[in-house]
């Protein structure tokens, strides 16, 4: 005796086919569209009411470099100043408050200029090469793949306050502490 499929059997078979079709479509979508990885960048955030100019110093495979200027409007959020996974543990930042005066600076002296720049090498005898000698503060990223520096202002004064850092990634409650100026110029690392 042979079993004839009933109406219920046909419904179950149709439901299985639909489920398998949906699963196949999802598998194809994940194969075709790769998942986007989280960005690993060095960011600077302007949490002040002033316009701020930012320069960065770093050492990469080609040696020391300084770059600037990123002009951040007041309370503008964050700007990526270096894209990709960080290649070094130490980076150096200098920022100037265009509206109220003042700066975020330190004792790590590097080369800058008034207009947009990329200087290699970004350290050494800046004045002899026609550049300005500017004091940057050191940021120790602890070898993280990305990092964020927050520029803030003091509520008690009109000038900028020291920066704070936050690692890794925006929006995370990572380490956040005021930075102090480094005692010496950057050493070759």
Protein backbone atom coordinates (compact mmCIF):
# COMPACT_ATOMS: atom_id res chain seq x y z
CA UNK A 1 0.00 0.00 0.00
CA UNK A 2 1.35 3.41 -0.92
CA UNK A 3 0.95 6.53 1.13
CA UNK A 4 -0.65 9.43 -0.66
CA UNK A 5 0.48 12.85 0.56
CA UNK A 6 -2.21 14.62 2.48
CA UNK A 7 -2.93 18.30 2.47
CA UNK A 8 -1.00 18.66 5.76
CA UNK A 9 2.01 16.86 4.29
CA UNK A 10 2.06 19.25 1.33
CA UNK A 11 1.87 22.29 3.65
CA UNK A 12 4.79 21.02 5.73
CA UNK A 13 6.86 20.39 2.61
CA UNK A 14 6.08 23.89 1.29
CA UNK A 15 7.01 25.42 4.67
CA UNK A 16 10.35 23.53 4.69
CA UNK A 17 11.12 24.76 1.19
CA UNK A 18 10.38 28.39 2.21
CA UNK A 19 12.59 28.10 5.31
CA UNK A 20 15.43 26.60 3.27
CA UNK A 21 15.05 29.37 0.65
CA UNK A 22 15.26 32.06 3.35
CA UNK A 23 18.32 30.42 4.92
CA UNK A 24 20.00 30.13 1.51
CA UNK A 25 19.29 33.81 0.78
CA UNK A 26 20.77 34.86 4.15
CA UNK A 27 23.85 32.73 3.58
CA UNK A 28 24.31 34.28 0.14
CA UNK A 29 23.90 37.80 1.54
CA UNK A 30 26.62 37.27 4.14
CA UNK A 31 28.90 35.75 1.52
CA UNK A 32 28.42 38.59 -0.97
CA UNK A 33 28.35 41.53 1.46
CA UNK A 34 31.28 41.26 3.89
CA UNK A 35 30.72 42.51 7.39
CA UNK A 36 32.21 45.96 7.93
CA UNK A 37 34.98 45.94 10.49
CA UNK A 38 35.13 48.62 13.14
CA UNK A 39 37.31 51.56 12.20
CA UNK A 40 40.69 51.69 13.92
CA UNK A 41 41.73 55.33 13.81
CA UNK A 42 43.30 58.14 15.83
CA UNK A 43 40.61 60.75 16.53
CA UNK A 44 40.56 64.18 18.15
CA UNK A 45 37.29 65.50 19.57
CA UNK A 46 36.58 69.19 20.18
CA UNK A 47 34.33 69.41 23.22
CA UNK A 48 34.87 73.15 23.63
CA UNK A 49 32.73 76.04 22.43
CA UNK A 50 35.68 77.44 20.43
CA UNK A 51 37.12 76.71 17.01
CA UNK A 52 40.28 74.62 17.47
CA UNK A 53 43.24 73.83 15.19
CA UNK A 54 44.96 70.45 15.69
CA UNK A 55 48.38 69.12 14.62
CA UNK A 56 49.74 65.61 15.19
CA UNK A 57 53.24 64.17 15.41
CA UNK A 58 54.09 60.50 15.03
CA UNK A 59 56.73 57.99 14.02
CA UNK A 60 55.96 55.50 11.24
CA UNK A 61 58.00 53.22 8.96
CA UNK A 62 59.37 56.32 7.17
CA UNK A 63 60.48 58.09 10.38
CA UNK A 64 59.12 61.11 12.26
CA UNK A 65 56.35 63.22 10.74
CA UNK A 66 54.13 66.10 11.78
CA UNK A 67 50.86 67.05 10.09
CA UNK A 68 48.34 69.84 10.48
CA UNK A 69 45.96 71.56 10.51
CA UNK A 70 42.58 70.03 11.22
CA UNK A 71 40.20 72.89 11.96
CA UNK A 72 37.40 71.73 14.25
CA UNK A 73 34.37 73.93 14.92
CA UNK A 74 33.18 74.21 18.54
CA UNK A 75 31.39 71.15 19.87
CA UNK A 76 31.87 69.52 16.49
CA UNK A 77 32.36 65.98 17.62
CA UNK A 78 35.39 64.03 16.48
CA UNK A 79 37.72 64.19 13.48
CA UNK A 80 39.89 61.33 12.31
CA UNK A 81 43.47 62.62 12.04
CA UNK A 82 45.10 59.26 11.22
CA UNK A 83 43.17 56.48 9.46
CA UNK A 84 43.74 52.81 10.07
CA UNK A 85 45.23 50.69 12.81
CA UNK A 86 47.73 52.65 14.88
CA UNK A 87 51.33 51.74 14.09
CA UNK A 88 52.94 53.20 17.22
CA UNK A 89 52.30 53.41 20.91
CA UNK A 90 53.12 57.13 21.25
CA UNK A 91 51.56 60.04 19.37
CA UNK A 92 51.93 63.75 19.93
CA UNK A 93 49.23 66.44 19.76
CA UNK A 94 49.28 70.22 19.67
CA UNK A 95 46.05 72.20 19.54
CA UNK A 96 45.28 75.91 19.56
CA UNK A 97 42.06 77.68 20.53
CA UNK A 98 41.38 80.17 17.72
CA UNK A 99 38.59 82.03 19.50
CA UNK A 100 39.77 82.47 23.11
CA UNK A 101 43.51 82.02 22.76
CA UNK A 102 45.39 79.35 24.64
CA UNK A 103 46.67 75.98 23.56
CA UNK A 104 47.02 72.34 24.47
CA UNK A 105 50.78 71.84 24.41
CA UNK A 106 53.68 70.06 26.06
CA UNK A 107 57.44 69.64 26.10
CA UNK A 108 57.86 67.34 23.08
CA UNK A 109 59.15 69.82 20.51
CA UNK A 110 58.32 69.18 16.87
CA UNK A 111 58.12 71.16 13.64
CA UNK A 112 54.99 72.97 12.44
CA UNK A 113 54.06 75.89 10.22
CA UNK A 114 51.15 78.31 10.03
CA UNK A 115 49.58 76.77 6.91
CA UNK A 116 48.61 73.18 6.13
CA UNK A 117 51.68 70.95 6.40
CA UNK A 118 53.21 67.49 6.32
CA UNK A 119 56.81 67.70 7.52
CA UNK A 120 59.35 64.84 7.32
CA UNK A 121 61.33 64.63 9.45
CA UNK A 122 58.97 66.38 11.87
CA UNK A 123 61.65 66.65 14.57
CA UNK A 124 65.12 68.15 14.65
CA UNK A 125 66.31 71.67 13.95
CA UNK A 126 62.94 73.12 12.91
CA UNK A 127 64.04 76.76 12.80
CA UNK A 128 67.03 76.04 10.54
CA UNK A 129 64.64 74.44 8.03
CA UNK A 130 62.20 77.36 8.10
CA UNK A 131 59.60 75.77 10.39
CA UNK A 132 58.23 76.74 13.79
CA UNK A 133 59.33 74.78 16.88
CA UNK A 134 56.16 73.80 18.75
CA UNK A 135 55.62 71.92 22.01
CA UNK A 136 53.35 68.88 21.64
CA UNK A 137 51.96 66.74 24.46
CA UNK A 138 52.51 62.98 24.42
CA UNK A 139 49.65 60.50 24.10
CA UNK A 140 50.42 56.97 25.26
CA UNK A 141 47.91 54.70 23.51
CA UNK A 142 49.17 51.59 25.28
CA UNK A 143 49.52 49.88 21.87
CA UNK A 144 45.75 50.00 21.26
CA UNK A 145 44.58 49.75 17.64
CA UNK A 146 42.63 53.03 17.86
CA UNK A 147 42.49 56.02 20.20
CA UNK A 148 40.48 59.17 20.87
CA UNK A 149 41.73 62.43 22.41
CA UNK A 150 39.07 64.73 23.93
CA UNK A 151 39.85 68.46 23.99
CA UNK A 152 37.89 70.10 26.81
CA UNK A 153 37.65 73.48 28.48
CA UNK A 154 37.54 74.28 32.16
CA UNK A 155 34.23 75.58 33.51
CA UNK A 156 36.14 77.87 35.89
CA UNK A 157 38.18 79.69 33.25
CA UNK A 158 37.82 81.03 29.73
CA UNK A 159 40.88 79.26 28.31
CA UNK A 160 41.29 75.63 27.27
CA UNK A 161 41.86 72.95 29.83
CA UNK A 162 44.15 69.98 29.46
CA UNK A 163 43.02 67.23 27.12
CA UNK A 164 41.77 63.86 28.18
CA UNK A 165 42.22 60.65 26.29
CA UNK A 166 39.89 57.80 25.71
CA UNK A 167 40.84 54.53 24.18
CA UNK A 168 39.83 52.29 22.25
CA UNK A 169 36.92 53.38 20.08
CA UNK A 170 34.37 56.16 20.26
CA UNK A 171 31.51 55.86 22.69
CA UNK A 172 33.21 53.37 24.99
CA UNK A 173 33.92 54.16 28.61
CA UNK A 174 37.65 53.49 28.37
CA UNK A 175 40.44 55.08 30.35
CA UNK A 176 39.91 58.83 30.52
CA UNK A 177 42.38 60.91 32.45
CA UNK A 178 43.94 64.35 32.08
CA UNK A 179 47.29 64.25 30.32
CA UNK A 180 50.30 66.04 31.68
CA UNK A 181 53.05 67.48 29.56
CA UNK A 182 55.90 65.07 28.87
CA UNK A 183 59.18 66.00 30.53
CA UNK A 184 61.36 65.65 27.43
CA UNK A 185 61.28 65.72 23.67
CA UNK A 186 60.27 62.47 21.99
CA UNK A 187 62.98 59.87 21.96
CA UNK A 188 63.48 57.54 19.03
CA UNK A 189 61.26 54.56 19.82
